[in-house]
Structure formats: C-alpha cells, structure tokens
Protein backbone atom coordinates (compact mmCIF):
# COMPACT_ATOMS: atom_id res chain seq x y z
CA MET A 1 4.25 1.72 2.65
CA GLU A 2 5.60 2.48 -0.83
CA ARG A 3 4.73 0.33 -3.86
CA ILE A 4 7.52 -0.58 -6.27
CA LYS A 5 8.07 -3.05 -9.14
CA PHE A 6 10.28 -6.14 -9.26
CA ASN A 7 12.57 -4.44 -11.80
CA ASP A 8 12.95 -1.24 -9.74
CA PRO A 9 16.62 -0.94 -8.66
CA LEU A 10 15.27 0.07 -5.26
CA ALA A 11 14.00 -3.51 -4.72
CA VAL A 12 17.57 -4.84 -4.89
CA GLU A 13 18.89 -1.96 -2.77
CA VAL A 14 16.30 -2.54 -0.02
CA LEU A 15 17.26 -6.21 0.29
CA LYS A 16 21.01 -5.60 0.03
CA ASN A 17 20.71 -3.08 2.87
CA GLY A 18 19.12 -5.70 5.14
CA ASP A 19 15.58 -4.33 5.04
CA ILE A 20 12.33 -6.26 4.56
CA LEU A 21 10.67 -6.34 1.13
CA ALA A 22 7.19 -7.80 0.59
CA PHE A 23 6.61 -9.35 -2.84
CA PRO A 24 4.29 -11.76 -4.66
CA THR A 25 5.40 -15.33 -5.32
CA GLU A 26 3.56 -17.84 -7.50
CA THR A 27 1.79 -19.07 -4.35
CA VAL A 28 1.12 -16.19 -1.91
CA TYR A 29 2.80 -12.91 -0.88
CA GLY A 30 6.10 -13.32 0.95
CA LEU A 31 8.34 -11.20 3.16
CA GLY A 32 11.99 -11.33 2.14
CA VAL A 33 15.29 -10.48 3.82
CA ARG A 34 18.85 -11.52 2.97
CA PHE A 35 19.71 -14.71 4.87
CA ASP A 36 23.16 -13.60 6.05
CA ASN A 37 22.06 -10.53 8.02
CA LYS A 38 21.12 -11.26 11.67
CA LYS A 39 19.62 -7.81 12.17
CA ALA A 40 17.34 -8.35 9.16
CA TYR A 41 16.38 -11.78 10.54
CA ASP A 42 15.52 -10.28 13.95
CA HIS A 43 13.34 -7.65 12.27
CA LEU A 44 11.54 -10.38 10.32
CA ILE A 45 10.89 -12.35 13.54
CA LYS A 46 9.44 -9.22 15.15
CA VAL A 47 7.24 -8.29 12.17
CA LYS A 48 5.93 -11.85 11.81
CA ASN A 49 5.38 -12.14 15.58
CA ARG A 50 6.84 -15.61 15.26
CA PRO A 51 8.87 -17.79 17.67
CA SER A 52 12.56 -17.87 16.74
CA ASN A 53 12.57 -21.71 16.88
CA LYS A 54 10.36 -21.83 13.76
CA HIS A 55 12.68 -21.56 10.77
CA PHE A 56 12.14 -19.54 7.61
CA THR A 57 12.46 -20.93 4.08
CA LEU A 58 15.64 -20.11 2.15
CA MET A 59 14.65 -18.91 -1.31
CA VAL A 60 17.30 -19.25 -4.02
CA GLY A 61 17.51 -17.65 -7.45
CA ASN A 62 19.09 -20.64 -9.19
CA LEU A 63 19.32 -24.39 -8.63
CA ASP A 64 23.11 -24.57 -8.91
CA CYS A 65 23.62 -22.77 -5.60
CA ILE A 66 21.57 -25.22 -3.49
CA GLU A 67 24.63 -27.39 -2.89
CA ASN A 68 26.40 -24.36 -1.37
CA TYR A 69 23.94 -24.42 1.53
CA ALA A 70 22.72 -28.02 1.90
CA HIS A 71 23.73 -31.65 1.51
CA ILE A 72 22.01 -33.44 -1.39
CA ASN A 73 22.15 -37.02 -2.67
CA SER A 74 21.34 -38.37 -6.14
CA GLY A 75 17.63 -38.85 -5.31
CA ILE A 76 17.26 -35.29 -4.05
CA LYS A 77 19.11 -34.05 -7.13
CA ARG A 78 16.56 -35.81 -9.38
CA VAL A 79 13.69 -34.23 -7.42
CA ILE A 80 15.29 -30.78 -7.75
CA GLU A 81 15.78 -31.20 -11.51
CA LYS A 82 12.20 -32.44 -12.00
CA PHE A 83 10.15 -30.13 -9.77
CA MET A 84 12.23 -26.97 -9.31
CA PRO A 85 11.89 -24.10 -9.93
CA GLY A 86 8.34 -24.59 -8.67
CA GLN A 87 5.93 -24.89 -5.79
CA LEU A 88 8.11 -27.22 -3.74
CA THR A 89 10.09 -26.63 -0.54
CA ILE A 90 12.66 -29.28 0.35
CA ILE A 91 13.99 -29.66 3.90
CA LEU A 92 17.64 -30.69 3.87
CA LYS A 93 20.63 -30.98 6.19
CA SER A 94 22.38 -27.61 6.07
CA LYS A 95 26.08 -26.95 5.52
CA GLU A 96 28.35 -24.81 7.70
CA SER A 97 27.79 -21.83 5.38
CA VAL A 98 24.30 -21.44 6.91
CA PRO A 99 24.17 -19.45 10.19
CA GLU A 100 22.69 -21.22 13.22
CA TYR A 101 19.91 -18.64 13.56
CA VAL A 102 18.73 -19.81 10.11
CA CYS A 103 19.10 -23.60 10.49
CA GLY A 104 18.82 -24.08 14.27
CA LYS A 105 20.74 -26.56 16.40
CA GLU A 106 19.34 -29.43 14.30
CA CYS A 107 21.08 -27.94 11.23
CA THR A 108 18.17 -28.32 8.80
CA ILE A 109 16.90 -25.85 6.24
CA GLY A 110 13.92 -25.56 3.90
CA ILE A 111 14.91 -24.46 0.39
CA ARG A 112 12.71 -23.24 -2.45
CA CYS A 113 13.40 -21.90 -5.93
CA PRO A 114 10.34 -19.96 -7.16
CA ASN A 115 8.87 -20.50 -10.60
CA LEU A 116 8.81 -16.77 -11.22
CA ASP A 117 11.46 -15.23 -13.48
CA LYS A 118 11.18 -11.72 -11.98
CA LEU A 119 11.65 -13.02 -8.46
CA ARG A 120 14.57 -15.30 -9.33
CA LYS A 121 16.27 -12.36 -11.09
CA LEU A 122 15.74 -10.19 -8.01
CA ILE A 123 17.34 -12.81 -5.75
CA ASN A 124 20.27 -13.27 -8.13
CA ASP A 125 20.76 -9.50 -8.33
CA VAL A 126 20.88 -9.29 -4.52
CA GLY A 127 23.65 -11.89 -4.69
CA VAL A 128 22.59 -14.09 -1.75
CA PRO A 129 19.51 -16.23 -1.01
CA LEU A 130 16.61 -14.71 0.90
CA LEU A 131 14.69 -15.87 3.94
CA VAL A 132 11.07 -15.77 2.78
CA PRO A 133 8.13 -16.67 5.01
CA SER A 134 4.58 -15.98 3.85
CA ALA A 135 3.31 -12.44 4.39
CA ASN A 136 1.15 -12.79 7.49
CA LYS A 137 1.32 -12.47 11.24
CA SER A 138 2.01 -15.84 12.82
CA GLY A 139 -1.19 -17.92 12.89
CA LYS A 140 -3.07 -15.74 10.38
CA THR A 141 -3.93 -16.40 6.72
CA PRO A 142 -1.17 -15.40 4.23
CA CYS A 143 -1.76 -12.18 2.27
CA SER A 144 -2.61 -12.59 -1.41
CA SER A 145 -2.69 -8.92 -2.50
CA VAL A 146 -0.81 -5.66 -2.01
CA GLU A 147 -3.80 -4.22 -0.19
CA GLU A 148 -3.80 -7.09 2.31
CA VAL A 149 -0.05 -6.65 2.93
CA ILE A 150 -0.46 -2.91 3.60
CA LYS A 151 -3.44 -3.53 5.90
CA GLU A 152 -1.68 -6.34 7.80
CA PHE A 153 1.70 -4.65 8.28
CA ASN A 154 0.94 -0.94 7.89
CA ASN A 155 4.30 0.81 8.47
CA GLU A 156 6.36 -2.05 9.97
CA PHE A 157 8.54 -1.93 6.85
CA GLU A 158 8.73 0.46 3.90
CA TYR A 159 8.34 -1.32 0.56
CA VAL A 160 6.02 -3.79 -1.16
CA VAL A 161 6.29 -5.05 -4.75
CA ASP A 162 3.10 -4.33 -6.70
CA ASP A 163 3.42 -6.39 -9.87
CA ILE A 164 0.85 -8.40 -11.83
CA ILE A 165 1.47 -12.05 -10.95
CA THR A 166 -0.82 -15.05 -11.32
CA MET A 167 -0.90 -16.67 -7.88
CA THR A 168 -2.39 -20.04 -6.94
CA ASN A 169 -3.00 -19.02 -3.30
CA VAL A 170 -1.91 -22.58 -2.45
CA PRO A 171 1.29 -22.77 -0.37
CA SER A 172 4.14 -24.90 -1.69
CA THR A 173 4.41 -28.62 -0.98
CA VAL A 174 6.96 -29.22 1.80
CA ILE A 175 8.97 -32.46 1.84
CA ASP A 176 11.51 -33.44 4.52
CA PHE A 177 14.56 -35.24 3.12
CA THR A 178 16.59 -35.30 6.34
CA SER A 179 15.80 -38.95 7.19
CA ASP A 180 15.95 -42.20 5.22
CA GLU A 181 12.63 -41.65 3.44
CA PRO A 182 11.01 -38.47 2.03
CA LYS A 183 8.34 -37.28 4.47
CA LEU A 184 5.36 -35.05 3.62
CA ILE A 185 5.18 -32.01 5.91
CA ARG A 186 2.63 -29.93 3.98
CA GLU A 187 0.63 -30.88 0.92
CA GLY A 188 0.41 -28.48 -2.00
CA ASN A 189 0.09 -28.96 -5.77
CA ILE A 190 2.85 -31.62 -5.88
CA SER A 191 2.04 -34.97 -4.26
CA ILE A 192 4.35 -37.08 -2.09
CA GLU A 193 3.72 -39.97 -4.52
CA ASP A 194 5.13 -37.93 -7.40
CA ILE A 195 8.15 -37.00 -5.27
CA LYS A 196 8.85 -40.59 -4.23
CA GLU A 197 8.54 -41.85 -7.80
CA ILE A 198 11.37 -39.56 -8.90
CA TYR A 199 13.40 -39.93 -5.69
CA TYR A 200 13.57 -43.73 -5.92
CA GLU A 201 13.98 -43.85 -9.72
C-alpha cells in the first residue's frame, strides 16, 4: 500500500477513478469512495466485510450542498450551522439524487462535513461527496494510524493518506432527524441536549 499526502493530485485521481482511498479524519481513519459509483461501493462493501443493508455515511466538502442530497427543515438548518463542519453525523430523509444502494429502501442517509480543511478540499476537488465508513473490518475497532490501516487491509486497495492530523479517536455523534424528534443513535463529543437546544430554538 502506497502512502500519499492529502494535497497529492493522486489522491483526487484515485477517488475520481472510483478506487478506495484511506485517510485520517478528525475522529478516526476512514475509507472513502465517490458516492455515485456502484462498483466503488461494491468494493467498499467487500473490503469492509459489511452487510449491504448497513449504510455508509455521506461525507460532504461544504455545507451548501447538503440540500442537494437530503431534506432539511429550519431546525436541522440551525443544527448544521451551529455544529458543522464537525464531529456530527445527521441522519436525514434523502432526495432522489441519492442512489438506492446508498440510502436503502427507507430513503435515509447519514451526512457529515468534517472539521478538517485538507479533507474538505479533497472532497470538493473530487467534485462529489464520498461514502466514508471508519477504516476497520466490520465489528473491529477503527484504525487510528497509517500502520494500523496497512496491517488491517494489506493490499485490498492501493493508497493511504499519511498526513499529520490530530485525531480524537472518538467517533462522531450520530443524530437521527427522520422522525418528529431528534434521536440519539451514537454519542460522541456533542450531546443530544446541545442538539435539541439548537433544534427547538
């Protein structure tokens, strides 16, 4: 597996071509593929050893594009403006622009905008959002270093970003906004109380 930097043009090329790229986020290492490439999605499922009914997070490079892929109301908009970019994943009702293999028959999607300039720039340079699960085999602990990624995945894909990033090693908070009230799915550094305070403002 070859090590590259976030600003290496090869990083953009790998993702544009529909290949997997491992990279650090502000939480843990992730595996990224472009969301609109079914072959890339299938490869990600295989590498993760993960059931296809478990959806991957859609990672965006800017907040303005969220409405292209999901339905948001005024409360969700306030939450986005307050806590994103950051360690928050929001589950929303998806729009028709999202393929069914990404959102499932229930048409829901988790969206995150990372608080990492280099990563947001990479996503924006690719030109489409990425599907980004944590870098681990299903059921195992997420990788938090390049060495762990290489050991875990060996030669299942070709490139990993080796850049100095301060990581919390705490996964993002996940909040479900698809029903009448925000629902905590996974606790991280942002509490459900903080979310509700802004949502119901």
